[in-house]
Amino acid sequence: MLSYKMLKSAHTFRFGFILLALLTGLVFAGCRGPQTPDPSMTAVRGQGTGTGPGSADWISPEDIARAGALGLETRDPDMMDDGNRLENLFSPIYFEFDQSFIRPADRATLQEAAQYLETNPNAKLLAEGHCDWRGTTEYNMALGDRRAGSVVAYLEQVGISPDRLETVSKGDLDAITEGSDDQMRMDRRADLIIIP
């Protein structure tokens, strides 16, 4: 006759063996070999793709001519950021140290932006406020926000609808640290970015 101790020990051994078998199965199931991507799920563009030298040349002049013939709008690649924004269309609006008011010299640029928005009713404008490196990050974010807000307030005053205007503050994120006075002056700005 089997004793209680022997039965308990056999049960424990059986439970341990089953647990070990399950764990081994899980380990092997998780260790699949390298997978080959499905060719139908990948995109191949040819030799000109990537971020290496010459990668920007994958659009041929024939492609551009064909786009123009189809009536598609062509844009200057130097003005494009990520395909959805037009940059460098307008000069930045510069500010004095620790200030957020629009200088009279910059009002002409804002008038150009307003005129562009009036002739392109589907376009929006993003005012991106920047600061030089001096000051705390929190203070510079708030100052960048005030600078972008000044641009938007001016455009609203000349008749641009607020729902077509957006602001963002970059603070001192893009600033040249410990730069010269001229470099810091260039950091105190609001960039005008058109979102078509």
N, C-alpha and C. Protein backbone atom coordinates (compact mmCIF):
# COMPACT_ATOMS: atom_id res chain seq x y z
N MET A 1 0.82 -1.16 0.00
CA MET A 1 0.00 0.00 0.00
C MET A 1 0.88 1.24 0.00
N LEU A 2 0.45 2.25 -0.79
CA LEU A 2 1.22 3.48 -0.90
C LEU A 2 0.89 4.40 0.25
N SER A 3 1.91 5.00 0.75
CA SER A 3 1.68 5.93 1.85
C SER A 3 1.27 7.30 1.30
N TYR A 4 0.71 8.09 2.18
CA TYR A 4 0.28 9.45 1.81
C TYR A 4 1.46 10.27 1.32
N LYS A 5 2.63 10.11 1.96
CA LYS A 5 3.83 10.85 1.60
C LYS A 5 4.26 10.48 0.19
N MET A 6 4.20 9.24 -0.17
CA MET A 6 4.62 8.81 -1.50
C MET A 6 3.66 9.34 -2.57
N LEU A 7 2.36 9.32 -2.27
CA LEU A 7 1.39 9.85 -3.23
C LEU A 7 1.58 11.35 -3.44
N LYS A 8 1.83 12.07 -2.36
CA LYS A 8 2.04 13.51 -2.47
C LYS A 8 3.29 13.80 -3.28
N SER A 9 4.35 13.05 -3.06
CA SER A 9 5.59 13.25 -3.79
C SER A 9 5.41 12.92 -5.27
N ALA A 10 4.66 11.87 -5.61
CA ALA A 10 4.40 11.53 -7.01
C ALA A 10 3.56 12.61 -7.68
N HIS A 11 2.58 13.13 -6.97
CA HIS A 11 1.74 14.20 -7.52
C HIS A 11 2.57 15.46 -7.78
N THR A 12 3.43 15.82 -6.84
CA THR A 12 4.30 16.99 -6.99
C THR A 12 5.23 16.80 -8.18
N PHE A 13 5.79 15.60 -8.32
CA PHE A 13 6.69 15.32 -9.43
C PHE A 13 5.95 15.44 -10.76
N ARG A 14 4.75 14.89 -10.85
CA ARG A 14 3.96 14.95 -12.07
C ARG A 14 3.62 16.41 -12.41
N PHE A 15 3.21 17.19 -11.41
CA PHE A 15 2.89 18.60 -11.63
C PHE A 15 4.12 19.37 -12.12
N GLY A 16 5.27 19.12 -11.52
CA GLY A 16 6.52 19.76 -11.93
C GLY A 16 6.89 19.39 -13.36
N PHE A 17 6.70 18.12 -13.72
CA PHE A 17 7.03 17.67 -15.07
C PHE A 17 6.13 18.34 -16.10
N ILE A 18 4.84 18.43 -15.81
CA ILE A 18 3.90 19.08 -16.72
C ILE A 18 4.24 20.57 -16.87
N LEU A 19 4.55 21.21 -15.76
CA LEU A 19 4.92 22.63 -15.79
C LEU A 19 6.18 22.85 -16.61
N LEU A 20 7.18 21.99 -16.44
CA LEU A 20 8.42 22.09 -17.21
C LEU A 20 8.15 21.89 -18.70
N ALA A 21 7.30 20.96 -19.05
CA ALA A 21 6.96 20.72 -20.46
C ALA A 21 6.27 21.93 -21.07
N LEU A 22 5.34 22.53 -20.33
CA LEU A 22 4.65 23.72 -20.82
C LEU A 22 5.62 24.89 -21.03
N LEU A 23 6.48 25.13 -20.07
CA LEU A 23 7.45 26.22 -20.19
C LEU A 23 8.40 26.00 -21.37
N THR A 24 8.85 24.77 -21.56
CA THR A 24 9.72 24.45 -22.69
C THR A 24 9.00 24.71 -24.00
N GLY A 25 7.75 24.33 -24.08
CA GLY A 25 6.96 24.59 -25.29
C GLY A 25 6.81 26.07 -25.57
N LEU A 26 6.58 26.86 -24.54
CA LEU A 26 6.46 28.31 -24.70
C LEU A 26 7.77 28.93 -25.18
N VAL A 27 8.87 28.47 -24.64
CA VAL A 27 10.18 29.01 -25.06
C VAL A 27 10.41 28.72 -26.53
N PHE A 28 10.17 27.50 -26.95
CA PHE A 28 10.39 27.16 -28.36
C PHE A 28 9.41 27.86 -29.29
N ALA A 29 8.21 28.09 -28.84
CA ALA A 29 7.23 28.80 -29.67
C ALA A 29 7.63 30.25 -29.86
N GLY A 30 8.28 30.83 -28.87
CA GLY A 30 8.71 32.23 -28.97
C GLY A 30 10.00 32.41 -29.74
N CYS A 31 10.70 31.37 -30.06
CA CYS A 31 11.99 31.46 -30.73
C CYS A 31 11.87 31.06 -32.19
N ARG A 32 11.03 31.75 -32.92
CA ARG A 32 10.93 31.45 -34.35
C ARG A 32 12.15 31.99 -35.06
N GLY A 33 12.48 31.41 -36.14
CA GLY A 33 13.64 31.85 -36.92
C GLY A 33 13.36 33.17 -37.61
N PRO A 34 14.35 33.69 -38.34
CA PRO A 34 14.17 34.96 -39.05
C PRO A 34 13.07 34.83 -40.09
N GLN A 35 12.30 35.89 -40.22
CA GLN A 35 11.19 35.87 -41.15
C GLN A 35 11.55 36.67 -42.39
N THR A 36 11.16 36.17 -43.52
CA THR A 36 11.34 36.88 -44.78
C THR A 36 10.10 37.71 -45.03
N PRO A 37 10.28 39.03 -45.30
CA PRO A 37 9.09 39.85 -45.54
C PRO A 37 8.35 39.41 -46.79
N ASP A 38 7.05 39.53 -46.73
CA ASP A 38 6.21 39.21 -47.87
C ASP A 38 6.44 40.26 -48.95
N PRO A 39 6.88 39.87 -50.16
CA PRO A 39 7.17 40.85 -51.21
C PRO A 39 5.98 41.72 -51.57
N SER A 40 4.77 41.20 -51.40
CA SER A 40 3.60 42.00 -51.75
C SER A 40 3.34 43.10 -50.72
N MET A 41 3.97 43.01 -49.56
CA MET A 41 3.75 43.99 -48.50
C MET A 41 4.85 45.04 -48.43
N THR A 42 5.84 44.98 -49.29
CA THR A 42 6.94 45.95 -49.25
C THR A 42 6.91 46.79 -50.51
N ALA A 43 7.42 47.99 -50.39
CA ALA A 43 7.48 48.91 -51.52
C ALA A 43 8.93 49.06 -51.96
N VAL A 44 9.14 48.96 -53.24
CA VAL A 44 10.48 49.13 -53.79
C VAL A 44 10.43 50.27 -54.77
N ARG A 45 11.33 51.19 -54.63
CA ARG A 45 11.34 52.34 -55.50
C ARG A 45 12.51 52.34 -56.47
N GLY A 46 13.52 51.62 -56.19
CA GLY A 46 14.66 51.59 -57.10
C GLY A 46 15.91 52.11 -56.44
N GLN A 47 16.91 52.41 -57.26
CA GLN A 47 18.21 52.79 -56.73
C GLN A 47 18.20 54.15 -56.06
N GLY A 48 17.29 55.03 -56.40
CA GLY A 48 17.33 56.39 -55.88
C GLY A 48 16.69 56.58 -54.53
N THR A 49 16.19 55.53 -53.90
CA THR A 49 15.51 55.74 -52.62
C THR A 49 16.49 55.73 -51.47
N GLY A 50 16.03 56.21 -50.35
CA GLY A 50 16.87 56.24 -49.17
C GLY A 50 17.24 57.64 -48.79
N THR A 51 18.15 57.74 -47.83
CA THR A 51 18.57 59.05 -47.37
C THR A 51 20.01 59.33 -47.72
N GLY A 52 20.60 58.52 -48.56
CA GLY A 52 21.99 58.73 -48.94
C GLY A 52 22.14 59.80 -49.99
N PRO A 53 23.38 60.05 -50.42
CA PRO A 53 23.61 61.07 -51.44
C PRO A 53 22.83 60.75 -52.71
N GLY A 54 22.22 61.76 -53.27
CA GLY A 54 21.48 61.58 -54.51
C GLY A 54 20.07 61.09 -54.33
N SER A 55 19.64 60.89 -53.10
CA SER A 55 18.30 60.33 -52.90
C SER A 55 17.19 61.30 -53.26
N ALA A 56 17.49 62.59 -53.35
CA ALA A 56 16.46 63.56 -53.69
C ALA A 56 16.19 63.60 -55.19
N ASP A 57 16.95 62.87 -55.98
CA ASP A 57 16.84 62.94 -57.43
C ASP A 57 15.92 61.88 -58.01
N TRP A 58 15.09 61.25 -57.22
CA TRP A 58 14.26 60.18 -57.75
C TRP A 58 13.09 60.69 -58.57
N ILE A 59 12.77 61.99 -58.51
CA ILE A 59 11.74 62.56 -59.37
C ILE A 59 12.44 63.14 -60.59
N SER A 60 12.11 62.60 -61.72
CA SER A 60 12.77 63.03 -62.95
C SER A 60 12.09 64.27 -63.53
N PRO A 61 12.80 65.00 -64.39
CA PRO A 61 12.17 66.14 -65.07
C PRO A 61 10.95 65.73 -65.88
N GLU A 62 10.96 64.50 -66.40
CA GLU A 62 9.80 64.01 -67.16
C GLU A 62 8.58 63.88 -66.25
N ASP A 63 8.82 63.42 -65.00
CA ASP A 63 7.72 63.32 -64.04
C ASP A 63 7.11 64.68 -63.76
N ILE A 64 7.97 65.69 -63.62
CA ILE A 64 7.49 67.05 -63.34
C ILE A 64 6.70 67.58 -64.53
N ALA A 65 7.22 67.35 -65.76
CA ALA A 65 6.51 67.81 -66.96
C ALA A 65 5.15 67.11 -67.08
N ARG A 66 5.11 65.81 -66.79
CA ARG A 66 3.87 65.06 -66.86
C ARG A 66 2.86 65.59 -65.84
N ALA A 67 3.34 65.94 -64.65
CA ALA A 67 2.45 66.49 -63.62
C ALA A 67 1.86 67.82 -64.07
N GLY A 68 2.70 68.65 -64.69
CA GLY A 68 2.20 69.94 -65.19
C GLY A 68 1.19 69.75 -66.30
N ALA A 69 1.42 68.77 -67.17
CA ALA A 69 0.49 68.51 -68.27
C ALA A 69 -0.86 68.01 -67.76
N LEU A 70 -0.86 67.34 -66.62
CA LEU A 70 -2.10 66.85 -66.03
C LEU A 70 -2.81 67.92 -65.22
N GLY A 71 -2.20 69.09 -65.13
CA GLY A 71 -2.81 70.18 -64.38
C GLY A 71 -2.52 70.14 -62.89
N LEU A 72 -1.56 69.31 -62.49
CA LEU A 72 -1.21 69.23 -61.07
C LEU A 72 -0.30 70.38 -60.70
N GLU A 73 -0.46 70.87 -59.49
CA GLU A 73 0.36 71.99 -59.01
C GLU A 73 1.77 71.49 -58.69
N THR A 74 2.78 72.21 -59.17
CA THR A 74 4.15 71.88 -58.80
C THR A 74 4.63 72.94 -57.82
N ARG A 75 5.42 72.49 -56.86
CA ARG A 75 5.90 73.39 -55.82
C ARG A 75 7.41 73.34 -55.76
N ASP A 76 7.98 74.43 -55.30
CA ASP A 76 9.42 74.52 -55.12
C ASP A 76 9.83 73.60 -53.98
N PRO A 77 10.71 72.59 -54.23
CA PRO A 77 11.08 71.66 -53.16
C PRO A 77 11.79 72.35 -52.00
N ASP A 78 12.43 73.49 -52.23
CA ASP A 78 13.11 74.19 -51.14
C ASP A 78 12.12 74.78 -50.15
N MET A 79 10.86 74.91 -50.54
CA MET A 79 9.85 75.47 -49.66
C MET A 79 9.07 74.39 -48.93
N MET A 80 9.31 73.14 -49.26
CA MET A 80 8.54 72.06 -48.66
C MET A 80 9.27 71.49 -47.46
N ASP A 81 8.54 71.22 -46.40
CA ASP A 81 9.12 70.61 -45.21
C ASP A 81 8.82 69.12 -45.23
N ASP A 82 7.60 68.73 -45.01
CA ASP A 82 7.25 67.32 -44.97
C ASP A 82 6.17 66.96 -45.98
N GLY A 83 6.00 67.81 -46.98
CA GLY A 83 4.99 67.56 -47.99
C GLY A 83 3.66 68.19 -47.65
N ASN A 84 3.47 68.61 -46.43
CA ASN A 84 2.19 69.19 -46.03
C ASN A 84 2.32 70.63 -45.57
N ARG A 85 3.53 71.18 -45.62
CA ARG A 85 3.75 72.53 -45.13
C ARG A 85 4.63 73.28 -46.12
N LEU A 86 4.34 74.55 -46.30
CA LEU A 86 5.19 75.42 -47.11
C LEU A 86 5.98 76.30 -46.17
N GLU A 87 7.30 76.17 -46.23
CA GLU A 87 8.16 77.01 -45.41
C GLU A 87 8.95 77.92 -46.33
N ASN A 88 9.52 78.96 -45.76
CA ASN A 88 10.34 79.93 -46.49
C ASN A 88 9.55 80.71 -47.53
N LEU A 89 8.25 80.71 -47.44
CA LEU A 89 7.43 81.49 -48.34
C LEU A 89 7.46 82.96 -47.91
N PHE A 90 7.56 83.18 -46.60
CA PHE A 90 7.61 84.53 -46.05
C PHE A 90 8.83 84.65 -45.15
N SER A 91 9.34 85.86 -45.05
CA SER A 91 10.45 86.12 -44.12
C SER A 91 9.95 85.95 -42.69
N PRO A 92 10.83 85.53 -41.78
CA PRO A 92 10.42 85.45 -40.38
C PRO A 92 10.12 86.84 -39.82
N ILE A 93 9.33 86.89 -38.78
CA ILE A 93 9.05 88.12 -38.05
C ILE A 93 10.02 88.14 -36.86
N TYR A 94 10.87 89.16 -36.81
CA TYR A 94 11.88 89.23 -35.75
C TYR A 94 11.41 90.11 -34.60
N PHE A 95 11.90 89.80 -33.40
CA PHE A 95 11.50 90.50 -32.19
C PHE A 95 12.74 90.98 -31.44
N GLU A 96 12.55 92.02 -30.66
CA GLU A 96 13.60 92.51 -29.78
C GLU A 96 13.73 91.55 -28.60
N PHE A 97 14.82 91.68 -27.85
CA PHE A 97 15.06 90.83 -26.70
C PHE A 97 13.91 90.94 -25.70
N ASP A 98 13.36 89.79 -25.31
CA ASP A 98 12.31 89.69 -24.30
C ASP A 98 11.04 90.45 -24.69
N GLN A 99 10.77 90.59 -25.99
CA GLN A 99 9.59 91.32 -26.46
C GLN A 99 8.75 90.40 -27.35
N SER A 100 7.48 90.76 -27.49
CA SER A 100 6.60 89.97 -28.36
C SER A 100 5.71 90.86 -29.22
N PHE A 101 6.04 92.15 -29.33
CA PHE A 101 5.21 93.02 -30.16
C PHE A 101 5.76 93.06 -31.58
N ILE A 102 4.86 93.27 -32.54
CA ILE A 102 5.23 93.32 -33.96
C ILE A 102 5.85 94.68 -34.26
N ARG A 103 7.05 94.64 -34.82
CA ARG A 103 7.73 95.88 -35.20
C ARG A 103 7.13 96.41 -36.50
N PRO A 104 7.11 97.72 -36.69
CA PRO A 104 6.58 98.30 -37.93
C PRO A 104 7.27 97.74 -39.18
N ALA A 105 8.55 97.43 -39.08
CA ALA A 105 9.29 96.91 -40.24
C ALA A 105 8.78 95.54 -40.69
N ASP A 106 8.13 94.80 -39.81
CA ASP A 106 7.66 93.45 -40.14
C ASP A 106 6.20 93.41 -40.58
N ARG A 107 5.53 94.53 -40.53
CA ARG A 107 4.11 94.53 -40.89
C ARG A 107 3.89 94.23 -42.37
N ALA A 108 4.83 94.63 -43.23
CA ALA A 108 4.69 94.34 -44.67
C ALA A 108 4.69 92.83 -44.92
N THR A 109 5.53 92.11 -44.19
CA THR A 109 5.56 90.64 -44.34
C THR A 109 4.23 90.04 -43.91
N LEU A 110 3.67 90.55 -42.83
CA LEU A 110 2.37 90.04 -42.38
C LEU A 110 1.25 90.40 -43.35
N GLN A 111 1.36 91.55 -44.00
CA GLN A 111 0.38 91.92 -45.03
C GLN A 111 0.47 90.95 -46.22
N GLU A 112 1.71 90.56 -46.59
CA GLU A 112 1.89 89.57 -47.67
C GLU A 112 1.24 88.25 -47.28
N ALA A 113 1.45 87.84 -46.04
CA ALA A 113 0.86 86.58 -45.57
C ALA A 113 -0.66 86.66 -45.60
N ALA A 114 -1.21 87.79 -45.18
CA ALA A 114 -2.67 87.97 -45.20
C ALA A 114 -3.19 87.92 -46.62
N GLN A 115 -2.47 88.55 -47.54
CA GLN A 115 -2.90 88.55 -48.95
C GLN A 115 -2.85 87.13 -49.51
N TYR A 116 -1.81 86.37 -49.17
CA TYR A 116 -1.72 84.99 -49.61
C TYR A 116 -2.91 84.19 -49.10
N LEU A 117 -3.25 84.36 -47.83
CA LEU A 117 -4.37 83.63 -47.25
C LEU A 117 -5.70 84.03 -47.89
N GLU A 118 -5.83 85.30 -48.26
CA GLU A 118 -7.06 85.75 -48.92
C GLU A 118 -7.21 85.14 -50.31
N THR A 119 -6.10 84.98 -51.03
CA THR A 119 -6.16 84.42 -52.38
C THR A 119 -6.13 82.89 -52.38
N ASN A 120 -5.84 82.28 -51.24
CA ASN A 120 -5.82 80.82 -51.11
C ASN A 120 -6.74 80.45 -49.94
N PRO A 121 -8.04 80.41 -50.19
CA PRO A 121 -9.01 80.26 -49.09
C PRO A 121 -8.93 78.94 -48.33
N ASN A 122 -8.28 77.92 -48.88
CA ASN A 122 -8.17 76.65 -48.16
C ASN A 122 -6.90 76.55 -47.33
N ALA A 123 -6.00 77.51 -47.49
CA ALA A 123 -4.73 77.46 -46.77
C ALA A 123 -4.90 77.96 -45.34
N LYS A 124 -4.05 77.44 -44.47
CA LYS A 124 -3.97 77.90 -43.08
C LYS A 124 -2.56 78.37 -42.82
N LEU A 125 -2.38 79.13 -41.75
CA LEU A 125 -1.06 79.61 -41.38
C LEU A 125 -0.73 79.16 -39.97
N LEU A 126 0.46 78.62 -39.81
CA LEU A 126 0.98 78.25 -38.50
C LEU A 126 2.06 79.25 -38.12
N ALA A 127 1.87 79.96 -37.03
CA ALA A 127 2.89 80.87 -36.51
C ALA A 127 3.69 80.12 -35.46
N GLU A 128 4.99 79.99 -35.71
CA GLU A 128 5.87 79.20 -34.86
C GLU A 128 6.81 80.15 -34.11
N GLY A 129 6.60 80.30 -32.80
CA GLY A 129 7.38 81.24 -32.00
C GLY A 129 8.69 80.65 -31.50
N HIS A 130 9.78 81.43 -31.62
CA HIS A 130 11.12 80.99 -31.21
C HIS A 130 11.76 82.02 -30.29
N CYS A 131 12.74 81.58 -29.50
CA CYS A 131 13.48 82.46 -28.59
C CYS A 131 14.97 82.12 -28.67
N ASP A 132 15.79 83.04 -28.16
CA ASP A 132 17.21 82.70 -28.03
C ASP A 132 17.38 81.84 -26.77
N TRP A 133 18.59 81.43 -26.49
CA TRP A 133 18.84 80.45 -25.43
C TRP A 133 18.77 81.02 -24.03
N ARG A 134 18.77 82.34 -23.88
CA ARG A 134 18.77 82.94 -22.54
C ARG A 134 17.39 82.79 -21.89
N GLY A 135 17.39 82.49 -20.62
CA GLY A 135 16.13 82.30 -19.89
C GLY A 135 15.85 80.83 -19.66
N THR A 136 14.88 80.56 -18.81
CA THR A 136 14.53 79.17 -18.53
C THR A 136 13.70 78.61 -19.69
N THR A 137 13.66 77.32 -19.77
CA THR A 137 12.87 76.67 -20.82
C THR A 137 11.40 77.07 -20.71
N GLU A 138 10.88 77.10 -19.50
CA GLU A 138 9.47 77.45 -19.30
C GLU A 138 9.20 78.88 -19.75
N TYR A 139 10.09 79.80 -19.36
CA TYR A 139 9.89 81.20 -19.74
C TYR A 139 9.95 81.35 -21.26
N ASN A 140 10.93 80.69 -21.89
CA ASN A 140 11.08 80.81 -23.34
C ASN A 140 9.91 80.18 -24.09
N MET A 141 9.34 79.10 -23.55
CA MET A 141 8.16 78.52 -24.19
C MET A 141 7.00 79.51 -24.14
N ALA A 142 6.84 80.18 -23.00
CA ALA A 142 5.76 81.17 -22.87
C ALA A 142 6.01 82.37 -23.78
N LEU A 143 7.27 82.82 -23.87
CA LEU A 143 7.60 83.96 -24.73
C LEU A 143 7.39 83.59 -26.20
N GLY A 144 7.79 82.39 -26.59
CA GLY A 144 7.55 81.93 -27.96
C GLY A 144 6.06 81.88 -28.28
N ASP A 145 5.27 81.49 -27.29
CA ASP A 145 3.82 81.45 -27.47
C ASP A 145 3.26 82.87 -27.64
N ARG A 146 3.77 83.82 -26.86
CA ARG A 146 3.31 85.21 -27.01
C ARG A 146 3.71 85.77 -28.37
N ARG A 147 4.90 85.42 -28.85
CA ARG A 147 5.34 85.90 -30.17
C ARG A 147 4.45 85.34 -31.27
N ALA A 148 4.17 84.05 -31.22
CA ALA A 148 3.28 83.45 -32.22
C ALA A 148 1.88 84.05 -32.10
N GLY A 149 1.45 84.30 -30.87
CA GLY A 149 0.14 84.92 -30.65
C GLY A 149 0.05 86.33 -31.20
N SER A 150 1.14 87.08 -31.15
CA SER A 150 1.16 88.44 -31.73
C SER A 150 0.95 88.40 -33.23
N VAL A 151 1.58 87.42 -33.88
CA VAL A 151 1.42 87.26 -35.33
C VAL A 151 -0.05 86.96 -35.65
N VAL A 152 -0.63 86.02 -34.94
CA VAL A 152 -2.02 85.63 -35.18
C VAL A 152 -2.96 86.80 -34.89
N ALA A 153 -2.71 87.53 -33.81
CA ALA A 153 -3.57 88.67 -33.47
C ALA A 153 -3.52 89.73 -34.57
N TYR A 154 -2.35 89.98 -35.13
CA TYR A 154 -2.23 90.96 -36.21
C TYR A 154 -3.03 90.50 -37.43
N LEU A 155 -2.87 89.22 -37.79
CA LEU A 155 -3.58 88.71 -38.97
C LEU A 155 -5.09 88.71 -38.75
N GLU A 156 -5.53 88.47 -37.54
CA GLU A 156 -6.97 88.55 -37.24
C GLU A 156 -7.46 89.99 -37.38
N GLN A 157 -6.63 90.96 -36.97
CA GLN A 157 -7.02 92.37 -37.08
C GLN A 157 -7.19 92.80 -38.53
N VAL A 158 -6.43 92.18 -39.44
CA VAL A 158 -6.56 92.57 -40.86
C VAL A 158 -7.57 91.69 -41.59
N GLY A 159 -8.34 90.87 -40.84
CA GLY A 159 -9.48 90.19 -41.45
C GLY A 159 -9.33 88.70 -41.70
N ILE A 160 -8.25 88.08 -41.27
CA ILE A 160 -8.10 86.64 -41.48
C ILE A 160 -8.86 85.91 -40.36
N SER A 161 -9.65 84.92 -40.75
CA SER A 161 -10.47 84.17 -39.80
C SER A 161 -9.59 83.39 -38.81
N PRO A 162 -9.92 83.43 -37.52
CA PRO A 162 -9.12 82.73 -36.52
C PRO A 162 -9.04 81.22 -36.74
N ASP A 163 -10.04 80.62 -37.40
CA ASP A 163 -9.98 79.18 -37.62
C ASP A 163 -8.97 78.78 -38.69
N ARG A 164 -8.36 79.76 -39.35
CA ARG A 164 -7.31 79.48 -40.34
C ARG A 164 -5.92 79.76 -39.79
N LEU A 165 -5.84 80.09 -38.51
CA LEU A 165 -4.57 80.48 -37.89
C LEU A 165 -4.28 79.57 -36.70
N GLU A 166 -3.05 79.12 -36.61
CA GLU A 166 -2.63 78.26 -35.51
C GLU A 166 -1.31 78.78 -34.95
N THR A 167 -1.04 78.45 -33.70
CA THR A 167 0.22 78.85 -33.09
C THR A 167 0.89 77.64 -32.45
N VAL A 168 2.21 77.72 -32.38
CA VAL A 168 3.00 76.74 -31.64
C VAL A 168 4.24 77.47 -31.14
N SER A 169 4.69 77.10 -29.97
CA SER A 169 5.91 77.69 -29.42
C SER A 169 7.00 76.64 -29.42
N LYS A 170 8.14 77.00 -29.99
CA LYS A 170 9.31 76.13 -29.92
C LYS A 170 10.25 76.61 -28.82
N GLY A 171 9.94 77.77 -28.22
CA GLY A 171 10.80 78.29 -27.17
C GLY A 171 12.23 78.40 -27.64
N ASP A 172 13.15 77.84 -26.85
CA ASP A 172 14.56 77.87 -27.23
C ASP A 172 15.04 76.52 -27.77
N LEU A 173 14.12 75.66 -28.19
CA LEU A 173 14.49 74.31 -28.65
C LEU A 173 15.43 74.33 -29.85
N ASP A 174 15.25 75.27 -30.76
CA ASP A 174 16.09 75.34 -31.96
C ASP A 174 17.15 76.42 -31.87
N ALA A 175 17.33 77.00 -30.70
CA ALA A 175 18.25 78.13 -30.55
C ALA A 175 19.71 77.68 -30.60
N ILE A 176 20.55 78.58 -31.08
CA ILE A 176 21.99 78.36 -31.06
C ILE A 176 22.47 78.73 -29.67
N THR A 177 22.99 77.77 -28.92
CA THR A 177 23.38 78.05 -27.54
C THR A 177 24.66 78.86 -27.50
N GLU A 178 24.63 79.87 -26.67
CA GLU A 178 25.76 80.75 -26.44
C GLU A 178 26.33 81.30 -27.73
N GLY A 179 25.46 81.69 -28.64
CA GLY A 179 25.88 82.26 -29.91
C GLY A 179 26.20 83.74 -29.78
N SER A 180 26.59 84.32 -30.89
CA SER A 180 26.88 85.75 -30.92
C SER A 180 25.58 86.54 -30.84
N ASP A 181 25.70 87.86 -30.67
CA ASP A 181 24.50 88.70 -30.62
C ASP A 181 23.68 88.58 -31.90
N ASP A 182 24.36 88.51 -33.06
CA ASP A 182 23.64 88.38 -34.32
C ASP A 182 22.90 87.05 -34.41
N GLN A 183 23.54 85.98 -33.95
CA GLN A 183 22.88 84.67 -33.97
C GLN A 183 21.67 84.65 -33.03
N MET A 184 21.83 85.25 -31.86
CA MET A 184 20.71 85.29 -30.93
C MET A 184 19.57 86.14 -31.48
N ARG A 185 19.90 87.20 -32.19
CA ARG A 185 18.87 88.05 -32.79
C ARG A 185 18.06 87.23 -33.80
N MET A 186 18.72 86.35 -34.54
CA MET A 186 18.02 85.52 -35.53
C MET A 186 17.12 84.47 -34.86
N ASP A 187 17.44 84.10 -33.63
CA ASP A 187 16.62 83.13 -32.89
C ASP A 187 15.34 83.75 -32.34
N ARG A 188 15.30 85.06 -32.19
CA ARG A 188 14.12 85.74 -31.62
C ARG A 188 13.16 86.06 -32.76
N ARG A 189 12.31 85.07 -33.10
CA ARG A 189 11.49 85.22 -34.30
C ARG A 189 10.21 84.41 -34.20
N ALA A 190 9.35 84.66 -35.18
CA ALA A 190 8.18 83.81 -35.42
C ALA A 190 8.24 83.42 -36.89
N ASP A 191 8.24 82.13 -37.17
CA ASP A 191 8.22 81.65 -38.55
C ASP A 191 6.77 81.53 -39.00
N LEU A 192 6.53 81.89 -40.26
CA LEU A 192 5.19 81.80 -40.85
C LEU A 192 5.18 80.60 -41.78
N ILE A 193 4.40 79.60 -41.45
CA ILE A 193 4.36 78.35 -42.21
C ILE A 193 2.95 78.17 -42.75
N ILE A 194 2.88 78.01 -44.06
CA ILE A 194 1.58 77.81 -44.72
C ILE A 194 1.26 76.32 -44.74
N ILE A 195 0.06 75.99 -44.34
CA ILE A 195 -0.43 74.61 -44.40
C ILE A 195 -1.50 74.59 -45.49
N PRO A 196 -1.16 74.05 -46.68
CA PRO A 196 -2.12 74.08 -47.81
C PRO A 196 -3.35 73.24 -47.54
